[in-house]
N, C-alpha and C. Protein backbone atom coordinates (compact mmCIF):
# COMPACT_ATOMS: atom_id res chain seq x y z
N MET A 1 46.64 9.68 -42.12
CA MET A 1 45.94 10.44 -41.38
C MET A 1 47.08 11.12 -40.25
N SER A 2 46.82 12.22 -39.75
CA SER A 2 47.90 12.82 -39.00
C SER A 2 48.03 12.28 -37.62
N ASP A 3 49.21 12.54 -37.13
CA ASP A 3 49.27 12.20 -35.62
C ASP A 3 48.20 12.62 -34.58
N ILE A 4 47.91 13.90 -34.84
CA ILE A 4 47.19 14.80 -34.03
C ILE A 4 45.47 14.36 -34.35
N ASN A 5 45.15 13.85 -35.24
CA ASN A 5 43.82 13.21 -35.74
C ASN A 5 43.64 12.24 -34.89
N GLU A 6 44.75 11.03 -35.14
CA GLU A 6 44.88 9.57 -34.70
C GLU A 6 44.69 9.80 -33.11
N LEU A 7 45.32 10.81 -32.39
CA LEU A 7 45.19 10.83 -30.89
C LEU A 7 43.84 11.59 -30.68
N TYR A 8 43.26 12.12 -31.33
CA TYR A 8 41.87 12.74 -31.28
C TYR A 8 40.79 11.51 -31.22
N LYS A 9 40.93 10.66 -32.45
CA LYS A 9 40.17 9.62 -32.40
C LYS A 9 40.25 8.76 -31.27
N ARG A 10 41.58 8.24 -30.98
CA ARG A 10 41.54 7.24 -29.90
C ARG A 10 41.09 7.71 -28.72
N SER A 11 41.56 9.13 -28.54
CA SER A 11 41.17 9.84 -27.21
C SER A 11 39.43 9.98 -26.99
N ILE A 12 38.90 10.18 -27.81
CA ILE A 12 37.47 10.34 -27.86
C ILE A 12 36.84 9.00 -27.93
N PHE A 13 37.27 8.04 -28.61
CA PHE A 13 36.48 6.74 -28.19
C PHE A 13 36.95 6.00 -26.86
N ASP A 14 38.03 6.39 -26.30
CA ASP A 14 38.47 5.89 -25.08
C ASP A 14 37.61 6.43 -23.79
N HIS A 15 37.57 7.68 -24.04
CA HIS A 15 36.79 8.24 -22.83
C HIS A 15 35.11 8.42 -23.36
N ASN A 16 34.73 7.87 -24.69
CA ASN A 16 33.18 7.37 -24.89
C ASN A 16 32.98 6.31 -24.00
N ARG A 17 33.73 5.34 -24.35
CA ARG A 17 33.29 4.26 -23.98
C ARG A 17 33.81 4.05 -22.00
N ASN A 18 34.87 4.42 -21.65
CA ASN A 18 35.13 4.53 -20.37
C ASN A 18 35.54 5.85 -19.82
N PRO A 19 34.12 6.66 -19.56
CA PRO A 19 33.93 8.18 -19.17
C PRO A 19 34.53 7.97 -17.60
N ARG A 20 35.37 9.03 -17.47
CA ARG A 20 35.70 9.30 -16.17
C ARG A 20 34.56 10.06 -15.49
N ASN A 21 34.94 9.71 -14.01
CA ASN A 21 33.50 10.56 -13.39
C ASN A 21 32.25 10.58 -13.80
N PHE A 22 31.68 9.67 -14.29
CA PHE A 22 30.54 9.32 -14.94
C PHE A 22 29.44 8.90 -13.64
N HIS A 23 29.14 9.34 -12.81
CA HIS A 23 28.16 8.93 -12.06
C HIS A 23 27.25 9.93 -11.25
N ALA A 24 26.59 9.79 -10.56
CA ALA A 24 25.47 10.80 -9.68
C ALA A 24 26.12 10.97 -8.55
N MET A 25 25.97 12.45 -7.91
CA MET A 25 26.74 12.67 -6.75
C MET A 25 25.67 13.20 -5.96
N GLU A 26 25.32 12.44 -5.12
CA GLU A 26 24.59 12.91 -3.92
C GLU A 26 24.79 13.93 -2.96
N ASN A 27 25.55 14.40 -2.73
CA ASN A 27 26.30 15.50 -1.86
C ASN A 27 26.89 16.59 -2.79
N ALA A 28 26.12 16.76 -4.11
CA ALA A 28 26.87 18.02 -4.56
C ALA A 28 26.23 19.44 -4.10
N SER A 29 27.23 19.94 -4.26
CA SER A 29 27.08 21.69 -3.50
C SER A 29 26.18 22.38 -5.21
N HIS A 30 26.58 22.22 -6.28
CA HIS A 30 26.17 22.76 -7.55
C HIS A 30 25.61 21.81 -8.19
N SER A 31 24.63 22.44 -9.03
CA SER A 31 24.47 21.23 -10.26
C SER A 31 23.91 22.04 -11.25
N CYS A 32 23.61 21.47 -12.36
CA CYS A 32 22.72 21.70 -13.55
C CYS A 32 22.54 20.66 -14.64
N ASP A 33 21.43 21.01 -15.11
CA ASP A 33 20.97 20.20 -16.52
C ASP A 33 21.67 20.85 -17.72
N GLY A 34 21.75 20.18 -18.76
CA GLY A 34 22.09 20.63 -20.27
C GLY A 34 21.57 19.64 -20.98
N TYR A 35 21.02 20.69 -22.27
CA TYR A 35 20.61 19.69 -23.27
C TYR A 35 20.77 20.40 -24.35
N ASN A 36 21.13 19.53 -25.75
CA ASN A 36 21.40 20.04 -26.80
C ASN A 36 20.21 19.57 -27.66
N PRO A 37 19.17 20.21 -28.16
CA PRO A 37 17.95 19.77 -28.66
C PRO A 37 17.93 19.55 -30.21
N LEU A 38 19.50 19.91 -30.90
CA LEU A 38 19.51 19.55 -31.93
C LEU A 38 20.14 18.37 -32.32
N CYS A 39 20.74 17.50 -31.19
CA CYS A 39 20.78 16.08 -31.65
C CYS A 39 20.32 15.29 -30.29
N GLY A 40 19.98 15.76 -29.23
CA GLY A 40 19.65 14.80 -28.31
C GLY A 40 20.73 14.66 -26.98
N ASP A 41 21.65 15.20 -27.00
CA ASP A 41 22.64 15.23 -25.84
C ASP A 41 21.87 15.75 -24.75
N LYS A 42 22.50 14.82 -23.56
CA LYS A 42 21.72 15.54 -22.10
C LYS A 42 22.55 15.42 -20.99
N VAL A 43 22.74 16.31 -20.31
CA VAL A 43 23.85 16.03 -19.42
C VAL A 43 23.55 16.73 -17.78
N HIS A 44 23.72 15.97 -16.89
CA HIS A 44 23.69 16.62 -15.48
C HIS A 44 24.84 16.71 -15.09
N ILE A 45 25.38 18.06 -14.49
CA ILE A 45 26.84 18.35 -14.00
C ILE A 45 26.32 18.32 -12.60
N TYR A 46 27.44 17.58 -11.66
CA TYR A 46 27.41 17.55 -10.25
C TYR A 46 28.83 18.05 -9.63
N VAL A 47 28.93 19.32 -8.76
CA VAL A 47 30.13 19.72 -8.17
C VAL A 47 30.07 19.77 -6.80
N ARG A 48 30.94 19.45 -5.88
CA ARG A 48 30.98 19.62 -4.65
C ARG A 48 32.45 20.56 -4.36
N LEU A 49 32.36 21.75 -4.02
CA LEU A 49 33.33 22.76 -3.57
C LEU A 49 33.13 22.72 -2.10
N ASP A 50 34.75 22.77 -1.92
CA ASP A 50 35.23 22.42 -0.25
C ASP A 50 35.08 23.96 -0.12
N GLY A 51 35.73 24.04 1.31
CA GLY A 51 35.30 25.35 2.27
C GLY A 51 36.34 26.27 1.52
N SER A 52 37.28 25.94 0.73
CA SER A 52 38.17 26.93 0.19
C SER A 52 37.91 27.61 -1.34
N ASP A 53 36.49 27.18 -1.72
CA ASP A 53 36.32 27.12 -3.22
C ASP A 53 36.75 26.75 -4.06
N THR A 54 37.24 25.47 -3.68
CA THR A 54 38.09 24.43 -4.55
C THR A 54 37.24 23.11 -4.88
N VAL A 55 37.16 23.15 -6.29
CA VAL A 55 36.35 21.74 -6.73
C VAL A 55 36.76 20.61 -6.34
N GLU A 56 36.16 20.17 -5.20
CA GLU A 56 36.53 18.89 -4.33
C GLU A 56 36.31 17.55 -5.13
N ASP A 57 35.20 17.34 -5.66
CA ASP A 57 34.81 16.69 -6.69
C ASP A 57 34.01 17.15 -7.76
N VAL A 58 33.52 16.57 -8.81
CA VAL A 58 33.05 16.89 -9.86
C VAL A 58 32.50 15.29 -10.66
N SER A 59 31.40 15.17 -11.08
CA SER A 59 30.68 14.22 -11.96
C SER A 59 29.75 14.63 -12.88
N PHE A 60 29.37 13.87 -13.90
CA PHE A 60 28.29 13.79 -14.62
C PHE A 60 27.91 12.65 -14.98
N THR A 61 26.25 12.91 -15.13
CA THR A 61 25.42 11.69 -15.97
C THR A 61 24.72 12.31 -17.06
N GLY A 62 24.42 11.60 -18.17
CA GLY A 62 23.42 11.92 -19.41
C GLY A 62 23.89 10.93 -20.32
N SER A 63 23.13 11.22 -21.28
CA SER A 63 23.25 10.47 -22.73
C SER A 63 23.90 11.34 -23.75
N GLY A 64 24.23 10.75 -24.70
CA GLY A 64 24.61 11.46 -25.90
C GLY A 64 25.64 10.87 -26.78
N CYS A 65 26.35 11.71 -27.82
CA CYS A 65 27.06 11.13 -28.63
C CYS A 65 28.51 11.20 -28.12
N ALA A 66 29.53 10.50 -29.13
CA ALA A 66 30.84 10.11 -28.16
C ALA A 66 31.30 11.42 -27.74
N ILE A 67 31.25 12.38 -28.99
CA ILE A 67 31.75 13.58 -28.79
C ILE A 67 31.56 14.51 -26.99
N PHE A 68 30.63 14.64 -27.07
CA PHE A 68 29.72 14.93 -25.90
C PHE A 68 30.14 14.35 -24.77
N LYS A 69 30.10 12.91 -24.40
CA LYS A 69 30.79 12.09 -23.33
C LYS A 69 32.27 12.28 -23.26
N ALA A 70 32.88 12.49 -24.39
CA ALA A 70 34.52 12.49 -23.95
C ALA A 70 34.54 13.87 -23.54
N SER A 71 33.81 14.58 -24.00
CA SER A 71 34.51 16.34 -23.55
C SER A 71 33.90 16.12 -22.26
N ALA A 72 32.78 15.73 -21.95
CA ALA A 72 32.39 16.07 -20.17
C ALA A 72 33.32 15.22 -19.44
N SER A 73 33.90 14.02 -19.88
CA SER A 73 34.78 13.26 -19.35
C SER A 73 36.02 13.96 -19.15
N PHE A 74 36.60 14.41 -20.29
CA PHE A 74 37.81 15.09 -20.15
C PHE A 74 37.66 16.69 -18.91
N MET A 75 36.70 16.96 -19.54
CA MET A 75 36.26 18.18 -18.59
C MET A 75 36.23 17.83 -16.97
N THR A 76 35.62 16.86 -16.30
CA THR A 76 35.59 16.74 -15.25
C THR A 76 36.87 16.26 -14.74
N SER A 77 37.73 15.61 -15.32
CA SER A 77 39.12 15.32 -14.96
C SER A 77 40.06 16.51 -14.92
N ALA A 78 40.05 17.41 -15.82
CA ALA A 78 40.48 18.60 -15.96
C ALA A 78 40.40 19.58 -14.79
N ILE A 79 39.23 19.67 -14.61
CA ILE A 79 39.21 20.91 -13.37
C ILE A 79 38.90 20.33 -11.74
N LYS A 80 38.93 19.24 -11.70
CA LYS A 80 38.60 18.62 -10.10
C LYS A 80 40.24 19.13 -9.46
N GLY A 81 39.89 19.78 -8.63
CA GLY A 81 40.92 20.25 -7.95
C GLY A 81 41.56 21.74 -8.03
N MET A 82 41.06 22.40 -8.88
CA MET A 82 41.29 23.59 -9.38
C MET A 82 40.14 24.69 -8.47
N THR A 83 40.46 25.90 -8.26
CA THR A 83 39.50 26.64 -7.21
C THR A 83 38.68 27.14 -8.55
N GLN A 84 37.45 27.41 -8.18
CA GLN A 84 36.14 27.76 -9.11
C GLN A 84 37.06 29.09 -9.91
N VAL A 85 37.40 29.79 -9.54
CA VAL A 85 38.18 30.78 -10.46
C VAL A 85 38.90 30.13 -11.50
N GLN A 86 39.80 29.15 -11.21
CA GLN A 86 40.56 28.62 -12.26
C GLN A 86 39.67 27.45 -13.24
N ALA A 87 38.61 27.01 -12.57
CA ALA A 87 37.57 26.51 -13.46
C ALA A 87 37.03 27.11 -14.31
N ARG A 88 36.71 28.25 -13.91
CA ARG A 88 36.02 29.46 -15.05
C ARG A 88 36.85 29.84 -15.83
N GLU A 89 38.29 30.02 -15.88
CA GLU A 89 38.71 30.61 -16.69
C GLU A 89 39.14 29.30 -17.81
N THR A 90 39.37 27.81 -17.18
CA THR A 90 39.50 26.85 -18.24
C THR A 90 38.47 26.58 -18.97
N VAL A 91 37.03 26.77 -18.42
CA VAL A 91 35.96 27.04 -19.17
C VAL A 91 36.04 27.85 -20.56
N SER A 92 36.32 29.13 -20.22
CA SER A 92 36.32 30.14 -21.12
C SER A 92 37.32 29.84 -22.02
N LYS A 93 38.65 29.38 -21.81
CA LYS A 93 39.68 29.20 -22.60
C LYS A 93 39.24 27.91 -23.43
N PHE A 94 38.58 26.92 -22.98
CA PHE A 94 38.23 25.84 -23.90
C PHE A 94 36.98 26.22 -24.68
N LEU A 95 36.08 27.08 -24.55
CA LEU A 95 35.10 27.59 -25.48
C LEU A 95 35.61 28.20 -26.48
N ASP A 96 36.64 28.93 -26.07
CA ASP A 96 37.42 30.05 -27.06
C ASP A 96 38.18 29.23 -28.30
N MET A 97 38.66 28.30 -27.87
CA MET A 97 39.47 27.14 -28.49
C MET A 97 38.54 26.31 -29.54
N VAL A 98 37.62 25.76 -28.63
CA VAL A 98 36.47 25.10 -29.70
C VAL A 98 35.64 25.68 -30.57
N THR A 99 35.61 27.01 -30.31
CA THR A 99 34.53 27.83 -31.43
C THR A 99 35.51 28.40 -32.28
N GLY A 100 36.91 28.34 -32.23
CA GLY A 100 37.64 28.88 -33.02
C GLY A 100 37.94 30.59 -32.92
N SER A 101 37.55 31.11 -31.78
CA SER A 101 38.08 32.34 -31.13
C SER A 101 39.39 32.62 -30.99
N SER A 102 40.04 31.29 -30.53
CA SER A 102 41.36 31.66 -30.07
C SER A 102 42.13 30.37 -30.27
N ASP A 103 43.55 30.54 -30.77
CA ASP A 103 44.39 29.37 -30.90
C ASP A 103 45.43 29.31 -30.09
N PRO A 104 45.60 28.02 -29.43
CA PRO A 104 46.68 28.10 -28.33
C PRO A 104 47.81 27.83 -29.13
N GLU A 105 48.70 29.06 -28.66
CA GLU A 105 50.19 28.64 -29.40
C GLU A 105 50.62 27.28 -29.02
N PRO A 106 51.55 27.13 -29.88
CA PRO A 106 51.90 25.81 -29.73
C PRO A 106 52.66 25.38 -28.52
N GLU A 107 53.47 26.22 -28.20
CA GLU A 107 54.24 25.91 -26.73
C GLU A 107 53.43 26.55 -25.43
N ASP A 108 52.42 26.76 -25.98
CA ASP A 108 51.25 26.74 -24.61
C ASP A 108 50.52 25.47 -24.19
N LYS A 109 51.15 25.29 -23.12
CA LYS A 109 50.59 23.95 -22.52
C LYS A 109 49.79 23.90 -21.39
N SER A 110 48.81 25.11 -21.46
CA SER A 110 48.12 25.34 -20.26
C SER A 110 46.45 24.46 -20.57
N MET A 111 46.36 24.12 -21.85
CA MET A 111 45.33 23.32 -22.14
C MET A 111 45.17 21.90 -22.02
N GLY A 112 46.81 21.57 -21.75
CA GLY A 112 47.02 20.29 -21.82
C GLY A 112 46.25 19.05 -22.79
N LYS A 113 45.67 18.13 -22.23
CA LYS A 113 45.20 17.29 -23.36
C LYS A 113 43.74 17.82 -23.85
N LEU A 114 43.40 18.95 -23.34
CA LEU A 114 41.84 19.38 -24.09
C LEU A 114 42.39 19.69 -25.18
N SER A 115 43.68 20.27 -25.61
CA SER A 115 43.86 20.68 -26.66
C SER A 115 43.70 20.08 -28.26
N ILE A 116 43.32 18.44 -27.67
CA ILE A 116 42.97 17.49 -28.74
C ILE A 116 41.58 17.80 -29.36
N PHE A 117 41.06 18.73 -28.46
CA PHE A 117 39.33 19.22 -29.01
C PHE A 117 39.24 20.13 -30.07
N GLN A 118 40.41 20.85 -30.23
CA GLN A 118 40.84 21.96 -31.47
C GLN A 118 39.70 21.62 -32.32
N GLY A 119 40.34 20.27 -33.00
CA GLY A 119 39.60 19.71 -34.24
C GLY A 119 38.22 20.12 -34.35
N VAL A 120 37.58 20.04 -33.03
CA VAL A 120 36.41 19.99 -33.42
C VAL A 120 35.55 20.98 -34.39
N ARG A 121 36.34 22.22 -34.15
CA ARG A 121 35.94 23.46 -34.82
C ARG A 121 35.34 23.05 -36.20
N GLU A 122 36.35 21.90 -36.59
CA GLU A 122 36.13 22.03 -38.22
C GLU A 122 34.76 21.21 -38.37
N PHE A 123 34.04 20.88 -37.86
CA PHE A 123 32.97 20.33 -37.75
C PHE A 123 31.78 21.23 -36.85
N PRO A 124 31.34 22.42 -37.13
CA PRO A 124 30.43 23.11 -36.79
C PRO A 124 29.22 22.79 -36.15
N SER A 125 28.67 21.32 -36.99
CA SER A 125 27.44 20.62 -35.89
C SER A 125 27.95 20.16 -34.82
N ARG A 126 29.20 19.87 -34.74
CA ARG A 126 29.83 19.04 -33.35
C ARG A 126 30.12 20.12 -32.24
N VAL A 127 30.52 21.17 -32.66
CA VAL A 127 30.83 22.20 -31.48
C VAL A 127 30.03 22.03 -30.29
N LYS A 128 28.74 22.30 -30.52
CA LYS A 128 27.61 22.12 -29.45
C LYS A 128 27.76 20.84 -28.47
N CYS A 129 28.01 19.81 -29.27
CA CYS A 129 28.31 18.29 -28.39
C CYS A 129 29.43 18.58 -27.59
N ALA A 130 30.51 19.22 -27.94
CA ALA A 130 31.82 19.32 -27.30
C ALA A 130 31.60 20.24 -26.05
N THR A 131 30.64 21.47 -26.48
CA THR A 131 30.63 22.48 -25.44
C THR A 131 29.61 22.50 -24.45
N LEU A 132 28.53 21.43 -24.55
CA LEU A 132 27.18 21.40 -23.68
C LEU A 132 27.68 20.89 -22.39
N ALA A 133 28.33 20.02 -21.61
CA ALA A 133 28.95 19.95 -20.50
C ALA A 133 29.83 21.11 -19.98
N TRP A 134 30.46 22.01 -20.90
CA TRP A 134 31.27 22.92 -20.39
C TRP A 134 30.03 24.25 -20.22
N HIS A 135 29.17 24.35 -20.77
CA HIS A 135 28.10 25.46 -20.25
C HIS A 135 27.12 24.90 -19.02
N ALA A 136 27.17 23.60 -19.19
CA ALA A 136 26.25 23.15 -17.82
C ALA A 136 27.10 23.20 -16.57
N LEU A 137 28.41 23.29 -16.82
CA LEU A 137 29.74 23.55 -15.74
C LEU A 137 29.21 24.83 -14.97
N THR A 138 29.24 25.94 -16.00
CA THR A 138 29.15 27.10 -15.58
C THR A 138 27.82 27.54 -14.80
N CYS A 139 26.78 27.12 -15.29
CA CYS A 139 25.58 27.08 -15.26
C CYS A 139 25.40 26.46 -13.44
N ALA A 140 26.11 25.30 -13.36
CA ALA A 140 26.20 24.78 -12.20
C ALA A 140 26.78 25.45 -11.14
N LEU A 141 28.32 25.96 -11.25
CA LEU A 141 28.85 27.05 -10.61
C LEU A 141 28.23 28.25 -10.08
N ASP A 142 27.30 28.65 -10.84
CA ASP A 142 26.70 29.85 -10.71
C ASP A 142 25.27 29.49 -9.72
N LYS A 143 24.90 28.57 -9.56
CA LYS A 143 24.08 28.14 -8.37
C LYS A 143 24.32 27.05 -7.70
N SER A 144 23.81 27.38 -6.72
CA SER A 144 23.98 26.11 -5.49
C SER A 144 22.74 25.49 -5.67
N THR A 145 22.87 24.04 -5.17
CA THR A 145 21.88 23.08 -5.38
C THR A 145 20.63 23.35 -4.34
N ASP A 146 20.53 24.25 -3.41
CA ASP A 146 19.46 24.55 -2.94
C ASP A 146 18.70 25.69 -3.54
N GLY A 147 19.10 26.20 -4.87
CA GLY A 147 18.26 26.95 -5.64
C GLY A 147 18.83 28.14 -5.80
N GLU A 148 19.79 28.59 -4.49
CA GLU A 148 20.11 30.02 -4.65
C GLU A 148 21.36 30.25 -5.59
N LYS A 149 21.61 31.56 -5.83
CA LYS A 149 22.67 32.00 -6.52
C LYS A 149 23.98 31.73 -5.80
N ALA A 150 24.88 31.22 -6.50
CA ALA A 150 26.17 30.83 -5.94
C ALA A 150 26.65 32.16 -5.10
N SER A 151 27.51 32.17 -4.05
CA SER A 151 28.02 33.34 -3.98
C SER A 151 29.25 33.66 -4.40
N SER A 152 29.88 32.54 -4.54
CA SER A 152 31.15 32.90 -5.85
C SER A 152 30.97 33.10 -6.93
N ALA A 153 30.02 33.14 -7.38
CA ALA A 153 29.40 33.67 -9.10
C ALA A 153 30.17 34.87 -9.02
N THR A 154 30.55 34.96 -10.46
CA THR A 154 31.10 36.33 -11.19
C THR A 154 29.72 37.43 -11.05
N PRO A 155 30.16 38.56 -10.58
CA PRO A 155 29.27 39.65 -9.90
C PRO A 155 28.58 39.67 -11.41
N ASP A 156 28.93 40.01 -12.43
CA ASP A 156 28.08 40.33 -13.73
C ASP A 156 27.17 39.08 -14.23
N SER A 157 27.28 37.97 -13.63
CA SER A 157 26.64 37.28 -14.02
C SER A 157 24.83 36.66 -13.23
N GLU A 158 24.09 36.62 -14.29
CA GLU A 158 22.49 36.50 -13.73
C GLU A 158 22.37 35.28 -13.45
N ALA A 159 21.66 34.88 -12.39
CA ALA A 159 20.92 33.77 -12.05
C ALA A 159 20.42 32.95 -13.44
N ARG A 160 20.83 31.57 -13.53
CA ARG A 160 20.27 30.92 -14.97
C ARG A 160 19.52 30.13 -14.44
N LYS A 161 18.49 29.64 -15.59
CA LYS A 161 18.01 28.53 -15.29
C LYS A 161 18.45 27.36 -14.78
N ASP A 162 17.53 26.13 -14.34
CA ASP A 162 18.42 24.71 -14.41
C ASP A 162 18.77 24.25 -15.30
N VAL A 163 18.42 24.74 -16.33
CA VAL A 163 18.42 23.78 -17.50
C VAL A 163 19.20 24.86 -18.53
N VAL A 164 20.34 24.20 -19.19
CA VAL A 164 21.15 24.93 -20.15
C VAL A 164 20.91 24.31 -21.51
N SER A 165 20.36 25.36 -22.52
CA SER A 165 20.38 24.63 -23.56
C SER A 165 21.34 25.26 -24.85
N THR A 166 21.85 24.58 -25.58
CA THR A 166 23.06 24.77 -26.61
C THR A 166 22.17 25.31 -27.99
N GLU A 167 21.22 25.72 -28.10
CA GLU A 167 20.09 26.10 -29.10
C GLU A 167 20.94 27.07 -29.74
């Protein structure tokens, strides 16, 4: 087994057993549910933005497979402290990488630990598991918890439902 495959397996198992930021957040400014009807993965993403549009805190709750839970755990760790624009760029890069739309260059360190999820693209049925939390994060950033469209949502995005499905 290659070193990257071994790192992938260990990281997935670690974040599945001990997910980071796995808790409900009472004072979230943004949130959204996600659901994968193909395998039953469910997630609720909580985001709290500070006054300067920075992700002050992010967490998740839910149930599902190891890949889903590990991906959500890595995601929350990665975007904490980013501006909303940076978080959206990271979501876009991650989705492109996991779906095979792009390959990070070997010298490109911008994806950091998230690059271990490149291997998921070899298992098309698991891509939706790895991307569910990321789609729910985008939904959460697009809507504030008071049901209003978030003021900092991208201009061309339309208000989304409170539940994102990866069908």
